[in-house]
Amino acid sequence: MQLLLATTNEGKIVEIREALAGLPLTILTPRTLAIVEQPGEMGSTFEENAITKARFYVERTSLPTLADDSGIIVEALKEELGIHTRRWGAGPTASDEEWIAHFLERMQHEGNRRACFVCSLAYIDPGGELRTFEGRCAGVITDSLEAPYLPGLPISACFRPEGCSCVFSALPVEQKNYTSHRGRALQKFRTFLEEELRRERM
């Protein structure tokens, strides 16, 4: 089965590939299909944005498509991030280094370090059927970067999940896929997809 991942974020692609490893999938991306145009993100929720992305690529490829929209809600910054996470602060064209430097500087004098990562996945099959899956993970923002991070995922190096002794990006792959917001959403998607693949074989 072919599955198009509706993202150009290399870090997300790595994490999704890891979470879906072992399934009989050929994973494609917009880059492998030479699709340059990207959808806008005009929704008011993570789910709305994920659905918009999935529909955008299904219309262009007719392939089963999985889209992700995710971000972080930081209690001290109220409504500043959330669905605007990557476009917030230093802006959407900022490098990972520029973005995270601005974020850590903004958090420098905040006493409340509580935060929650949210991931919404939208899956659309070629027949147009839509399914959505959500994952959340609460934790705290650390004072500085505590580990290397995958491209496109700089906050993973300064977010320590509840019950963990290290930040996201320092967790072993299996634990990260079990603990993280994206990992939790992908667990639900994987269960759904395994059942769909099982039905196809019957």
C-alpha atoms as a PDB file:
ATOM      1  CA  MET A   1       0.000   0.000   0.000  1.00  0.00           C
ATOM      2  CA  GLN A   2       1.220   3.492  -0.829  1.00  0.00           C
ATOM      3  CA  LEU A   3       0.827   6.186   1.822  1.00  0.00           C
ATOM      4  CA  LEU A   4       1.532   9.855   1.206  1.00  0.00           C
ATOM      5  CA  LEU A   5       2.743  11.846   4.198  1.00  0.00           C
ATOM      6  CA  ALA A   6       1.422  15.365   3.700  1.00  0.00           C
ATOM      7  CA  THR A   7       4.425  17.172   5.146  1.00  0.00           C
ATOM      8  CA  THR A   8       7.806  18.533   4.126  1.00  0.00           C
ATOM      9  CA  ASN A   9       9.046  18.567   7.736  1.00  0.00           C
ATOM     10  CA  GLU A  10      11.933  16.097   7.751  1.00  0.00           C
ATOM     11  CA  GLY A  11      11.713  15.500  11.493  1.00  0.00           C
ATOM     12  CA  LYS A  12       8.039  14.583  11.286  1.00  0.00           C
ATOM     13  CA  ILE A  13       8.727  12.255   8.354  1.00  0.00           C
ATOM     14  CA  VAL A  14      11.377  10.428  10.383  1.00  0.00           C
ATOM     15  CA  GLU A  15       9.076  10.053  13.392  1.00  0.00           C
ATOM     16  CA  ILE A  16       6.118   8.859  11.310  1.00  0.00           C
ATOM     17  CA  ARG A  17       8.287   6.329   9.459  1.00  0.00           C
ATOM     18  CA  GLU A  18       9.547   5.008  12.804  1.00  0.00           C
ATOM     19  CA  ALA A  19       6.035   4.695  14.224  1.00  0.00           C
ATOM     20  CA  LEU A  20       4.729   2.846  11.145  1.00  0.00           C
ATOM     21  CA  ALA A  21       7.768   0.592  10.701  1.00  0.00           C
ATOM     22  CA  GLY A  22       6.936  -3.014   9.905  1.00  0.00           C
ATOM     23  CA  LEU A  23       3.690  -2.288   8.067  1.00  0.00           C
ATOM     24  CA  PRO A  24       3.480  -3.178   4.344  1.00  0.00           C
ATOM     25  CA  LEU A  25       3.681   0.458   3.242  1.00  0.00           C
ATOM     26  CA  THR A  26       5.511   2.406   0.575  1.00  0.00           C
ATOM     27  CA  ILE A  27       5.788   5.838   2.157  1.00  0.00           C
ATOM     28  CA  LEU A  28       5.825   8.835  -0.173  1.00  0.00           C
ATOM     29  CA  THR A  29       6.244  12.551   0.490  1.00  0.00           C
ATOM     30  CA  PRO A  30       5.466  15.693  -1.507  1.00  0.00           C
ATOM     31  CA  ARG A  31       9.182  15.956  -2.259  1.00  0.00           C
ATOM     32  CA  THR A  32       9.407  12.453  -3.745  1.00  0.00           C
ATOM     33  CA  LEU A  33       6.423  13.318  -5.969  1.00  0.00           C
ATOM     34  CA  ALA A  34       7.901  16.713  -6.928  1.00  0.00           C
ATOM     35  CA  ILE A  35       4.913  18.594  -5.489  1.00  0.00           C
ATOM     36  CA  VAL A  36       6.127  22.086  -4.664  1.00  0.00           C
ATOM     37  CA  GLU A  37       2.852  23.843  -3.906  1.00  0.00           C
ATOM     38  CA  GLN A  38       1.791  23.737  -0.257  1.00  0.00           C
ATOM     39  CA  PRO A  39      -1.631  24.150   1.387  1.00  0.00           C
ATOM     40  CA  GLY A  40      -2.470  27.119   3.569  1.00  0.00           C
ATOM     41  CA  GLU A  41      -3.180  26.687   7.274  1.00  0.00           C
ATOM     42  CA  MET A  42      -6.271  28.824   7.858  1.00  0.00           C
ATOM     43  CA  GLY A  43      -8.100  26.581  10.320  1.00  0.00           C
ATOM     44  CA  SER A  44      -8.848  27.508  13.921  1.00  0.00           C
ATOM     45  CA  THR A  45      -7.876  24.075  15.307  1.00  0.00           C
ATOM     46  CA  PHE A  46      -5.134  21.510  14.764  1.00  0.00           C
ATOM     47  CA  GLU A  47      -7.721  19.105  13.332  1.00  0.00           C
ATOM     48  CA  GLU A  48      -9.034  21.621  10.791  1.00  0.00           C
ATOM     49  CA  ASN A  49      -5.498  22.308   9.551  1.00  0.00           C
ATOM     50  CA  ALA A  50      -4.668  18.596   9.326  1.00  0.00           C
ATOM     51  CA  ILE A  51      -7.834  17.947   7.293  1.00  0.00           C
ATOM     52  CA  THR A  52      -7.033  20.844   4.953  1.00  0.00           C
ATOM     53  CA  LYS A  53      -3.550  19.441   4.301  1.00  0.00           C
ATOM     54  CA  ALA A  54      -4.835  15.914   3.698  1.00  0.00           C
ATOM     55  CA  ARG A  55      -7.498  17.082   1.239  1.00  0.00           C
ATOM     56  CA  PHE A  56      -5.008  19.279  -0.596  1.00  0.00           C
ATOM     57  CA  TYR A  57      -2.718  16.334  -1.383  1.00  0.00           C
ATOM     58  CA  VAL A  58      -5.467  13.786  -2.042  1.00  0.00           C
ATOM     59  CA  GLU A  59      -6.927  16.108  -4.668  1.00  0.00           C
ATOM     60  CA  ARG A  60      -3.534  16.281  -6.403  1.00  0.00           C
ATOM     61  CA  THR A  61      -2.470  12.647  -6.131  1.00  0.00           C
ATOM     62  CA  SER A  62      -5.521  10.434  -5.427  1.00  0.00           C
ATOM     63  CA  LEU A  63      -3.282   8.604  -2.959  1.00  0.00           C
ATOM     64  CA  PRO A  64      -4.161   7.577   0.604  1.00  0.00           C
ATOM     65  CA  THR A  65      -2.850  10.554   2.564  1.00  0.00           C
ATOM     66  CA  LEU A  66      -1.880  11.153   6.185  1.00  0.00           C
ATOM     67  CA  ALA A  67      -1.520  14.762   7.336  1.00  0.00           C
ATOM     68  CA  ASP A  68      -0.219  16.073  10.637  1.00  0.00           C
ATOM     69  CA  ASP A  69      -0.828  19.391  12.350  1.00  0.00           C
ATOM     70  CA  SER A  70       0.798  19.836  15.698  1.00  0.00           C
ATOM     71  CA  GLY A  71       2.108  22.442  18.074  1.00  0.00           C
ATOM     72  CA  ILE A  72       2.663  23.344  21.679  1.00  0.00           C
ATOM     73  CA  ILE A  73       0.411  25.137  24.139  1.00  0.00           C
ATOM     74  CA  VAL A  74       2.500  26.977  26.737  1.00  0.00           C
ATOM     75  CA  GLU A  75       0.566  28.104  29.810  1.00  0.00           C
ATOM     76  CA  ALA A  76       2.713  31.198  30.389  1.00  0.00           C
ATOM     77  CA  LEU A  77       2.276  32.364  26.789  1.00  0.00           C
ATOM     78  CA  LYS A  78      -1.497  31.803  26.760  1.00  0.00           C
ATOM     79  CA  GLU A  79      -2.767  31.821  23.165  1.00  0.00           C
ATOM     80  CA  GLU A  80       0.515  32.806  21.528  1.00  0.00           C
ATOM     81  CA  LEU A  81       1.544  29.419  20.132  1.00  0.00           C
ATOM     82  CA  GLY A  82      -0.869  26.510  19.641  1.00  0.00           C
ATOM     83  CA  ILE A  83      -1.841  26.261  15.969  1.00  0.00           C
ATOM     84  CA  HIS A  84       0.541  29.161  15.249  1.00  0.00           C
ATOM     85  CA  THR A  85       3.580  27.410  16.763  1.00  0.00           C
ATOM     86  CA  ARG A  86       5.871  27.279  13.722  1.00  0.00           C
ATOM     87  CA  ARG A  87       4.785  30.707  12.476  1.00  0.00           C
ATOM     88  CA  TRP A  88       5.084  32.321  15.918  1.00  0.00           C
ATOM     89  CA  GLY A  89       7.918  34.487  17.200  1.00  0.00           C
ATOM     90  CA  ALA A  90      10.848  34.490  14.794  1.00  0.00           C
ATOM     91  CA  GLY A  91       8.442  33.555  11.998  1.00  0.00           C
ATOM     92  CA  PRO A  92       7.854  30.727   9.495  1.00  0.00           C
ATOM     93  CA  THR A  93      11.004  31.462   7.499  1.00  0.00           C
ATOM     94  CA  ALA A  94      13.274  31.373  10.554  1.00  0.00           C
ATOM     95  CA  SER A  95      15.775  28.541  10.853  1.00  0.00           C
ATOM     96  CA  ASP A  96      15.319  26.033  13.672  1.00  0.00           C
ATOM     97  CA  GLU A  97      18.168  27.733  15.509  1.00  0.00           C
ATOM     98  CA  GLU A  98      16.615  31.196  15.162  1.00  0.00           C
ATOM     99  CA  TRP A  99      13.172  29.995  16.172  1.00  0.00           C
ATOM    100  CA  ILE A 100      14.267  28.130  19.291  1.00  0.00           C
ATOM    101  CA  ALA A 101      16.606  30.928  20.395  1.00  0.00           C
ATOM    102  CA  HIS A 102      13.678  33.359  20.284  1.00  0.00           C
ATOM    103  CA  PHE A 103      11.449  30.913  22.148  1.00  0.00           C
ATOM    104  CA  LEU A 104      13.937  30.271  24.953  1.00  0.00           C
ATOM    105  CA  GLU A 105      14.599  33.984  25.327  1.00  0.00           C
ATOM    106  CA  ARG A 106      10.848  34.613  25.559  1.00  0.00           C
ATOM    107  CA  MET A 107      10.556  31.931  28.261  1.00  0.00           C
ATOM    108  CA  GLN A 108      13.614  33.102  30.202  1.00  0.00           C
ATOM    109  CA  HIS A 109      11.741  34.973  32.929  1.00  0.00           C
ATOM    110  CA  GLU A 110       8.597  32.840  33.039  1.00  0.00           C
ATOM    111  CA  GLY A 111       8.070  30.991  36.303  1.00  0.00           C
ATOM    112  CA  ASN A 112       5.321  28.756  34.910  1.00  0.00           C
ATOM    113  CA  ARG A 113       7.024  26.255  32.599  1.00  0.00           C
ATOM    114  CA  ARG A 114       4.007  23.995  32.054  1.00  0.00           C
ATOM    115  CA  ALA A 115       3.186  23.098  28.469  1.00  0.00           C
ATOM    116  CA  CYS A 116       1.298  20.549  26.402  1.00  0.00           C
ATOM    117  CA  PHE A 117       2.095  19.242  22.930  1.00  0.00           C
ATOM    118  CA  VAL A 118      -0.883  18.420  20.680  1.00  0.00           C
ATOM    119  CA  CYS A 119      -0.912  16.420  17.450  1.00  0.00           C
ATOM    120  CA  SER A 120      -3.881  15.958  15.137  1.00  0.00           C
ATOM    121  CA  LEU A 121      -3.663  13.459  12.286  1.00  0.00           C
ATOM    122  CA  ALA A 122      -6.078  13.372   9.363  1.00  0.00           C
ATOM    123  CA  TYR A 123      -6.217  10.366   7.047  1.00  0.00           C
ATOM    124  CA  ILE A 124      -8.155  10.376   3.790  1.00  0.00           C
ATOM    125  CA  ASP A 125      -8.382   7.353   1.510  1.00  0.00           C
ATOM    126  CA  PRO A 126      -8.826   7.632  -2.281  1.00  0.00           C
ATOM    127  CA  GLY A 127     -12.581   7.200  -1.821  1.00  0.00           C
ATOM    128  CA  GLY A 128     -12.687  10.348   0.288  1.00  0.00           C
ATOM    129  CA  GLU A 129     -13.313   8.717   3.664  1.00  0.00           C
ATOM    130  CA  LEU A 130     -11.863  10.823   6.476  1.00  0.00           C
ATOM    131  CA  ARG A 131     -10.552   9.647   9.859  1.00  0.00           C
ATOM    132  CA  THR A 132      -8.879  11.791  12.510  1.00  0.00           C
ATOM    133  CA  PHE A 133      -6.663  10.861  15.455  1.00  0.00           C
ATOM    134  CA  GLU A 134      -5.335  13.022  18.289  1.00  0.00           C
ATOM    135  CA  GLY A 135      -2.492  12.708  20.759  1.00  0.00           C
ATOM    136  CA  ARG A 136      -1.453  14.953  23.659  1.00  0.00           C
ATOM    137  CA  CYS A 137       1.532  15.048  25.964  1.00  0.00           C
ATOM    138  CA  ALA A 138       1.967  17.334  28.982  1.00  0.00           C
ATOM    139  CA  GLY A 139       5.306  18.382  30.425  1.00  0.00           C
ATOM    140  CA  VAL A 140       7.580  21.323  31.160  1.00  0.00           C
ATOM    141  CA  ILE A 141       9.876  23.608  29.197  1.00  0.00           C
ATOM    142  CA  THR A 142      13.497  23.310  30.289  1.00  0.00           C
ATOM    143  CA  ASP A 143      15.747  26.353  30.669  1.00  0.00           C
ATOM    144  CA  SER A 144      17.928  25.389  27.708  1.00  0.00           C
ATOM    145  CA  LEU A 145      18.351  22.818  24.962  1.00  0.00           C
ATOM    146  CA  GLU A 146      19.333  19.509  26.551  1.00  0.00           C
ATOM    147  CA  ALA A 147      19.914  17.309  23.483  1.00  0.00           C
ATOM    148  CA  PRO A 148      20.247  17.414  19.696  1.00  0.00           C
ATOM    149  CA  TYR A 149      16.975  17.469  17.742  1.00  0.00           C
ATOM    150  CA  LEU A 150      15.638  16.352  14.385  1.00  0.00           C
ATOM    151  CA  PRO A 151      15.297  19.023  11.672  1.00  0.00           C
ATOM    152  CA  GLY A 152      12.045  20.921  12.075  1.00  0.00           C
ATOM    153  CA  LEU A 153      11.494  19.813  15.691  1.00  0.00           C
ATOM    154  CA  PRO A 154      13.604  22.162  17.851  1.00  0.00           C
ATOM    155  CA  ILE A 155      11.222  22.276  20.848  1.00  0.00           C
ATOM    156  CA  SER A 156      11.754  18.543  21.331  1.00  0.00           C
ATOM    157  CA  ALA A 157      15.139  19.435  22.819  1.00  0.00           C
ATOM    158  CA  CYS A 158      13.682  21.626  25.591  1.00  0.00           C
ATOM    159  CA  PHE A 159      10.425  19.834  26.436  1.00  0.00           C
ATOM    160  CA  ARG A 160      10.495  17.220  29.195  1.00  0.00           C
ATOM    161  CA  PRO A 161       7.357  15.059  29.301  1.00  0.00           C
ATOM    162  CA  GLU A 162       5.667  14.223  32.580  1.00  0.00           C
ATOM    163  CA  GLY A 163       7.209  11.146  34.153  1.00  0.00           C
ATOM    164  CA  CYS A 164      10.404  11.383  32.097  1.00  0.00           C
ATOM    165  CA  SER A 165      13.882  12.362  33.245  1.00  0.00           C
ATOM    166  CA  CYS A 166      14.985  13.775  29.881  1.00  0.00           C
ATOM    167  CA  VAL A 167      13.616  15.816  26.994  1.00  0.00           C
ATOM    168  CA  PHE A 168      11.743  14.386  23.992  1.00  0.00           C
ATOM    169  CA  SER A 169      14.704  14.305  21.647  1.00  0.00           C
ATOM    170  CA  ALA A 170      16.850  12.409  24.170  1.00  0.00           C
ATOM    171  CA  LEU A 171      14.329   9.584  24.630  1.00  0.00           C
ATOM    172  CA  PRO A 172      14.972   6.214  22.988  1.00  0.00           C
ATOM    173  CA  VAL A 173      12.910   5.863  19.792  1.00  0.00           C
ATOM    174  CA  GLU A 174      10.526   3.273  21.217  1.00  0.00           C
ATOM    175  CA  GLN A 175       9.840   5.338  24.339  1.00  0.00           C
ATOM    176  CA  LYS A 176       9.432   8.548  22.339  1.00  0.00           C
ATOM    177  CA  ASN A 177       6.930   6.895  20.004  1.00  0.00           C
ATOM    178  CA  TYR A 178       4.972   5.682  23.032  1.00  0.00           C
ATOM    179  CA  THR A 179       5.136   8.944  24.997  1.00  0.00           C
ATOM    180  CA  SER A 180       4.981  11.840  22.546  1.00  0.00           C
ATOM    181  CA  HIS A 181       1.861  13.561  21.243  1.00  0.00           C
ATOM    182  CA  ARG A 182       2.643  12.441  17.695  1.00  0.00           C
ATOM    183  CA  GLY A 183       3.516   8.954  18.881  1.00  0.00           C
ATOM    184  CA  ARG A 184       0.195   8.637  20.703  1.00  0.00           C
ATOM    185  CA  ALA A 185      -1.774   9.836  17.693  1.00  0.00           C
ATOM    186  CA  LEU A 186       0.194   7.475  15.450  1.00  0.00           C
ATOM    187  CA  GLN A 187      -0.516   4.524  17.755  1.00  0.00           C
ATOM    188  CA  LYS A 188      -4.233   5.113  17.145  1.00  0.00           C
ATOM    189  CA  PHE A 189      -3.670   5.501  13.396  1.00  0.00           C
ATOM    190  CA  ARG A 190      -1.536   2.361  13.240  1.00  0.00           C
ATOM    191  CA  THR A 191      -4.234   0.321  14.985  1.00  0.00           C
ATOM    192  CA  PHE A 192      -6.797   1.609  12.486  1.00  0.00           C
ATOM    193  CA  LEU A 193      -4.527   0.959   9.489  1.00  0.00           C
ATOM    194  CA  GLU A 194      -3.638  -2.567  10.630  1.00  0.00           C
ATOM    195  CA  GLU A 195      -7.347  -3.387  10.757  1.00  0.00           C
ATOM    196  CA  GLU A 196      -7.893  -1.891   7.289  1.00  0.00           C
ATOM    197  CA  LEU A 197      -5.002  -3.905   5.852  1.00  0.00           C
ATOM    198  CA  ARG A 198      -6.321  -7.040   7.542  1.00  0.00           C
ATOM    199  CA  ARG A 199      -9.724  -6.551   5.900  1.00  0.00           C
ATOM    200  CA  GLU A 200      -8.107  -6.126   2.486  1.00  0.00           C
ATOM    201  CA  ARG A 201      -6.395  -9.502   2.864  1.00  0.00           C
ATOM    202  CA  MET A 202      -9.632 -11.316   3.752  1.00  0.00           C
END
